[in-house]
Protein backbone atom coordinates (compact mmCIF):
# COMPACT_ATOMS: atom_id res chain seq x y z
CA ARG A 1 -49.99 28.95 -3.59
CA LYS A 2 -49.66 25.51 -5.11
CA ILE A 3 -46.55 23.97 -6.67
CA ARG A 4 -46.22 21.11 -9.04
CA SER A 5 -44.73 17.90 -7.69
CA CYS A 6 -41.94 16.14 -9.59
CA VAL A 7 -43.42 12.71 -9.38
CA GLY A 8 -46.52 12.56 -11.60
CA LYS A 9 -48.40 15.66 -12.04
CA ILE A 10 -49.71 16.14 -8.61
CA LEU A 11 -50.41 19.79 -7.37
CA ILE A 12 -49.43 20.17 -3.55
CA THR A 13 -49.70 23.24 -1.44
CA ARG A 14 -46.47 24.98 -0.10
CA LYS A 15 -47.38 23.65 3.47
CA GLN A 16 -47.64 20.18 2.23
CA ALA A 17 -44.31 20.56 0.53
CA LEU A 18 -42.69 21.55 3.82
CA ARG A 19 -44.20 18.76 5.53
CA LEU A 20 -42.86 16.26 2.93
CA GLY A 21 -39.59 17.80 3.02
CA ILE A 22 -39.61 18.93 -0.57
CA GLU A 23 -38.36 22.49 -1.50
CA PRO A 24 -40.91 24.85 -3.23
CA TYR A 25 -40.64 24.78 -7.03
CA ARG A 26 -38.31 21.93 -7.00
CA ARG A 27 -38.41 20.00 -10.12
CA PHE A 28 -37.40 16.42 -8.93
CA SER A 29 -38.48 14.68 -5.59
CA PRO A 30 -35.61 13.60 -3.33
CA LEU A 31 -36.02 10.02 -4.45
CA LEU A 32 -35.78 10.69 -8.11
CA GLU A 33 -32.77 12.84 -7.77
CA LYS A 34 -31.16 10.28 -5.87
CA CYS A 35 -32.14 7.67 -8.69
CA CYS A 36 -30.51 10.00 -11.21
CA LEU A 37 -27.31 10.41 -8.98
CA LEU A 38 -27.02 6.48 -8.50
CA LEU A 39 -27.15 5.98 -12.08
CA SER A 40 -24.79 8.90 -13.13
CA ALA A 41 -22.36 7.61 -10.59
CA ASN A 42 -22.00 4.29 -12.40
CA GLU A 43 -22.45 4.82 -16.08
CA SER A 44 -22.51 7.73 -18.78
CA PHE A 45 -25.12 10.37 -18.40
CA LYS A 46 -26.69 8.95 -21.85
CA GLU A 47 -26.89 5.52 -20.41
CA ALA A 48 -28.29 6.95 -17.20
CA GLU A 49 -31.17 8.46 -19.05
CA LYS A 50 -31.93 5.10 -20.72
CA ASP A 51 -31.87 3.20 -17.73
CA LEU A 52 -34.00 5.36 -15.67
CA LYS A 53 -36.65 5.38 -18.14
CA VAL A 54 -36.83 1.54 -18.12
CA LEU A 55 -36.69 1.50 -14.36
CA THR A 56 -39.12 3.93 -13.49
CA GLY A 57 -40.80 5.01 -16.68
CA ILE A 58 -39.81 8.58 -16.00
CA GLU A 59 -37.79 10.50 -18.84
CA VAL A 60 -34.94 12.81 -17.60
CA GLY A 61 -32.54 13.92 -20.37
CA HIS A 62 -28.79 13.12 -19.98
CA SER A 63 -28.06 16.87 -19.84
CA THR A 64 -30.33 17.09 -16.89
CA HIS A 65 -28.55 14.08 -15.14
CA HIS A 66 -25.45 16.17 -15.70
CA ARG A 67 -26.83 19.30 -13.91
CA GLN A 68 -27.93 17.18 -10.87
CA VAL A 69 -24.57 15.90 -10.42
CA LYS A 70 -23.16 19.59 -10.64
CA LYS A 71 -25.63 21.06 -8.06
CA VAL A 72 -25.81 18.04 -5.58
CA GLU A 73 -23.86 18.91 -2.16
CA LEU A 74 -21.53 15.94 -0.96
CA SER A 75 -19.43 15.75 2.14
CA MET A 76 -16.24 13.55 2.55
CA PRO A 77 -16.88 10.70 4.76
CA ASN A 78 -15.43 10.32 8.28
CA VAL A 79 -13.59 7.40 9.73
CA LYS A 80 -15.66 6.04 12.51
CA GLN A 81 -12.78 4.69 14.50
CA LYS A 82 -9.33 5.91 14.99
CA LEU A 83 -7.36 6.38 11.60
CA THR A 84 -4.45 4.11 11.84
CA GLU A 85 -3.86 3.31 7.98
CA VAL A 86 -3.60 5.36 4.87
CA CYS A 87 -3.02 4.26 1.32
CA LEU A 88 -2.40 6.91 -1.62
CA ASP A 89 -1.97 6.51 -5.37
CA GLY A 90 -2.89 8.19 -8.44
CA GLY A 91 -5.34 7.63 -11.29
CA MET A 92 -5.75 9.19 -14.72
CA VAL A 93 -8.63 11.01 -16.44
CA ARG A 94 -8.98 12.29 -19.86
CA LEU A 95 -9.69 15.86 -20.73
CA ARG A 96 -11.25 17.55 -23.31
CA SER A 97 -8.98 20.21 -24.97
CA GLU A 98 -10.14 23.73 -24.63
CA LYS A 99 -8.86 24.61 -28.00
CA LYS A 100 -10.71 23.37 -31.15
CA GLY A 101 -8.78 20.77 -33.26
CA GLU A 102 -6.50 19.82 -30.50
CA SER A 103 -6.76 16.24 -29.18
CA ALA A 104 -7.67 15.27 -25.62
CA TYR A 105 -5.13 14.57 -23.11
CA TRP A 106 -4.63 12.79 -19.81
CA LYS A 107 -4.33 14.26 -16.30
CA GLU A 108 -3.56 12.56 -12.95
CA TYR A 109 -5.78 12.64 -10.11
CA LYS A 110 -5.10 11.48 -6.36
CA THR A 111 -6.88 8.90 -4.45
CA GLY A 112 -6.95 8.05 -0.91
CA ARG A 113 -8.00 5.14 0.89
CA LEU A 114 -8.64 5.22 4.74
CA GLN A 115 -8.59 2.02 6.83
CA GLY A 116 -8.90 0.16 3.67
CA ILE A 117 -12.66 1.18 3.53
CA TYR A 118 -13.24 5.06 2.68
CA TYR A 119 -12.68 6.28 -0.50
CA GLY A 120 -11.59 9.88 -1.53
CA ALA A 121 -10.41 11.47 -4.87
CA PHE A 122 -9.21 14.77 -5.71
CA PHE A 123 -8.24 16.32 -9.03
CA GLN A 124 -5.37 18.86 -8.84
CA ASP A 125 -6.12 19.47 -5.25
CA ASN A 126 -3.49 17.91 -3.06
CA LEU A 127 -4.26 20.34 -0.04
CA SER A 128 -7.93 19.18 0.11
CA LEU A 129 -6.83 15.43 0.12
CA THR A 130 -4.44 16.08 3.07
CA ASP A 131 -6.90 18.30 4.89
CA TRP A 132 -9.45 15.51 4.67
CA ILE A 133 -6.96 12.95 6.17
CA ASN A 134 -5.70 15.30 8.86
CA SER A 135 -9.27 16.05 9.92
CA GLN A 136 -9.66 12.46 10.90
CA ASN A 137 -9.40 11.12 14.47
CA ILE A 138 -5.74 10.02 13.87
CA GLY A 139 -4.21 7.23 16.20
CA LYS A 140 -0.91 7.22 18.01
CA VAL A 141 0.59 5.50 14.98
CA LEU A 142 -0.49 6.25 11.29
CA TYR A 143 0.76 3.63 8.79
CA CYS A 144 1.03 5.14 5.48
CA LEU A 145 1.51 2.82 2.54
CA GLY A 146 2.45 3.57 -1.06
CA ASP A 147 4.50 2.39 -4.02
CA GLY A 148 7.90 3.95 -4.96
CA HIS A 149 6.68 7.21 -6.71
CA ASP A 150 8.01 10.18 -5.12
CA GLY A 151 4.86 12.32 -5.47
CA ILE A 152 3.00 10.00 -2.97
CA TRP A 153 5.73 10.30 -0.28
CA LYS A 154 5.73 13.96 -0.86
CA LEU A 155 2.06 14.10 0.15
CA TYR A 156 2.63 12.21 3.15
CA ARG A 157 4.92 14.77 4.45
CA ASN A 158 1.82 16.97 4.95
CA ILE A 159 -0.03 14.29 6.89
CA ALA A 160 0.01 13.82 10.53
CA HIS A 161 3.03 14.45 12.65
CA ASP A 162 6.40 12.93 11.82
CA LYS A 163 6.54 11.07 15.22
CA CYS A 164 3.40 9.17 14.43
CA ARG A 165 3.67 8.62 10.87
CA HIS A 166 5.02 5.45 9.73
CA GLU A 167 5.81 5.22 6.03
CA ILE A 168 5.78 1.55 4.63
CA LEU A 169 6.73 0.58 0.99
CA ASP A 170 4.33 -1.60 -0.71
CA TRP A 171 5.45 -5.16 -0.42
CA TYR A 172 4.36 -6.15 -4.05
CA HIS A 173 6.04 -3.38 -5.52
CA LEU A 174 9.26 -4.23 -3.58
CA LYS A 175 8.83 -7.69 -4.86
CA GLU A 176 8.19 -6.73 -8.49
CA ASN A 177 11.37 -4.61 -8.52
CA LEU A 178 13.38 -7.48 -7.00
CA TYR A 179 12.27 -9.95 -9.91
CA LYS A 180 13.65 -7.61 -12.46
CA ILE A 181 17.13 -8.83 -11.39
CA GLN A 182 18.30 -11.39 -14.26
CA ALA A 183 19.29 -14.11 -11.52
CA SER A 184 18.26 -17.68 -10.88
CA LYS A 185 15.03 -18.41 -9.06
CA LYS A 186 16.65 -19.81 -6.08
CA PHE A 187 18.68 -16.67 -5.42
CA LEU A 188 15.82 -14.43 -5.73
CA LEU A 189 13.80 -16.59 -3.49
CA THR A 190 16.38 -16.13 -0.91
CA ILE A 191 16.48 -12.54 -1.06
CA GLU A 192 12.80 -12.08 -1.17
CA ALA A 193 12.65 -14.40 2.21
CA ASP A 194 15.10 -11.83 3.89
CA LEU A 195 13.15 -8.79 2.70
CA TRP A 196 10.01 -10.35 3.90
CA GLN A 197 11.47 -10.75 7.35
CA GLY A 198 12.90 -7.39 7.45
CA PHE A 199 16.60 -8.62 7.01
CA VAL A 200 17.52 -5.74 4.49
CA GLU A 201 21.21 -5.42 5.44
CA GLU A 202 21.76 -9.20 4.83
CA ALA A 203 19.98 -9.04 1.59
CA ILE A 204 22.00 -6.12 0.59
CA LYS A 205 25.11 -8.08 1.54
CA LYS A 206 24.09 -10.96 -0.54
CA LEU A 207 23.23 -8.82 -3.58
CA ARG A 208 26.58 -7.06 -3.56
CA LYS A 209 28.63 -10.45 -3.88
CA THR A 210 26.86 -11.11 -7.20
CA LYS A 211 27.17 -9.49 -10.70
CA TYR A 212 23.67 -10.28 -11.77
CA VAL A 213 22.20 -7.67 -14.20
CA GLY A 214 19.80 -5.30 -12.38
CA VAL A 215 21.36 -5.85 -9.00
CA THR A 216 22.95 -2.24 -8.77
CA ASN A 217 19.67 -0.61 -9.60
CA PHE A 218 17.93 -2.76 -6.91
CA ILE A 219 20.29 -1.74 -4.28
CA LYS A 220 19.95 1.80 -5.02
CA TYR A 221 16.17 1.23 -4.75
CA LEU A 222 16.56 -0.49 -1.36
CA ASN A 223 18.82 2.32 -0.11
CA LYS A 224 16.22 5.08 -1.24
CA HIS A 225 13.48 3.34 0.76
CA ARG A 226 15.26 1.82 3.53
CA HIS A 227 13.30 3.55 6.30
CA ARG A 228 10.12 2.34 4.71
CA LEU A 229 11.13 -1.28 4.85
CA VAL A 230 9.69 -3.27 7.74
CA ASN A 231 9.41 -6.72 9.03
CA TYR A 232 6.45 -7.57 6.68
CA MET A 233 6.00 -10.99 7.92
CA TYR A 234 5.69 -9.52 11.58
CA PHE A 235 3.24 -6.93 10.43
CA GLN A 236 1.07 -9.46 8.76
CA ALA A 237 1.21 -11.86 11.82
CA GLU A 238 0.24 -9.18 14.16
CA GLN A 239 -2.20 -7.55 11.91
CA LEU A 240 -0.50 -4.13 12.46
CA SER A 241 -1.37 -2.84 9.16
CA SER A 242 -1.73 -3.98 5.37
CA GLU A 243 1.67 -4.99 3.76
CA GLY A 244 0.67 -3.72 0.41
CA SER A 245 -1.27 -0.61 -1.02
CA GLY A 246 -3.67 -2.92 -2.82
CA ALA A 247 -6.65 -1.35 -1.15
CA VAL A 248 -6.02 2.05 -2.92
CA GLU A 249 -5.16 0.61 -6.17
CA SER A 250 -8.47 -1.30 -6.18
CA ALA A 251 -9.92 2.13 -5.15
CA VAL A 252 -8.52 3.64 -8.48
CA LYS A 253 -9.86 0.76 -10.69
CA GLN A 254 -13.15 1.22 -9.11
CA ILE A 255 -13.06 5.05 -9.67
CA ASP A 256 -11.79 4.70 -13.20
CA LYS A 257 -14.66 2.27 -14.07
CA ARG A 258 -16.72 5.43 -14.22
CA MET A 259 -14.16 8.13 -15.23
CA GLN A 260 -12.79 6.13 -18.09
CA VAL A 261 -16.09 4.97 -19.63
CA VAL A 262 -15.72 4.62 -23.39
CA GLY A 263 -15.33 7.81 -25.17
CA ALA A 264 -15.30 10.03 -21.94
CA GLN A 265 -13.85 13.29 -22.03
CA TRP A 266 -14.18 15.70 -19.08
CA LYS A 267 -13.88 19.41 -18.67
CA SER A 268 -11.49 20.10 -15.85
CA GLU A 269 -14.13 22.21 -13.83
CA ASN A 270 -16.55 19.00 -13.85
CA LEU A 271 -14.01 16.56 -12.48
CA PRO A 272 -14.00 17.35 -8.81
CA GLN A 273 -17.71 17.22 -8.25
CA MET A 274 -17.83 13.82 -10.59
CA LEU A 275 -14.95 12.25 -8.52
CA GLN A 276 -16.62 13.11 -5.30
CA LEU A 277 -20.01 11.51 -6.69
CA ARG A 278 -18.27 8.45 -7.65
CA CYS A 279 -16.64 8.22 -4.22
CA ALA A 280 -19.88 8.92 -2.42
CA TYR A 281 -21.42 6.03 -4.30
CA LEU A 282 -18.47 3.66 -3.28
CA ASN A 283 -18.56 4.88 0.31
CA GLY A 284 -22.43 4.06 0.48
CA GLN A 285 -23.35 7.61 1.05
CA LEU A 286 -26.01 7.48 -1.80
CA ALA A 287 -27.58 4.43 -0.26
CA ALA A 288 -28.35 6.33 3.02
CA PRO A 289 -31.93 7.41 3.62
CA PHE A 290 -32.98 10.78 2.16
């Protein structure tokens, strides 16, 4: 029995299809499927349809691009070395309302960046996020970086063991909160230097001696995250870990570049697969040999 190949209109036998690694009755070749996925991971499905025709001369409708994304099987990446650093943050996606007449609304998804390299994003599925991280070869010490958001620290409680987990407050968020105090620049630089070197108690003593607007709130902030404040200067000098969560903030921006294209509104059931596709692209998984 003969089947139709997806590239051109060549008829090949079932035996030839098996030798070429093409499934019987498959509409697209592996290469064409990969082209569809690469384009869909970077731009809207309509733009992917236009660009594919320009690049290959082959016409594949935007709805077919969408179907290709929905059916592809993707796996989360594994860290090749021991996992010693994790950054978590949240991003936002716009969802289409299920009821006619109601406007679209925004929902949060969670993003993880492992070793500052590997991307992972999950929509309303914190368990899969923590399971992915826990499945890695975790080192004796796991540095967990995040901003001051309570939800991020709650997630970390389900990652690794308490003995090896070392939570670190993002230095740049700490500094941002410091500069909300209405004080002289000289005073703020002094406090910044103390915090950079891990002299938290000394910084608090100096702050309590003043009556600047915002001091009380900042002291509460320091006390709340006291166990997450480290000697940032030492950590940077010894290259123990990053001092900020910039890696995951960059990851959110890279993911949002696709998820928040102009006019994009998603169905909640399509989001997990699309987030996984975008992360697979950023992880270089779509560039691997097929």
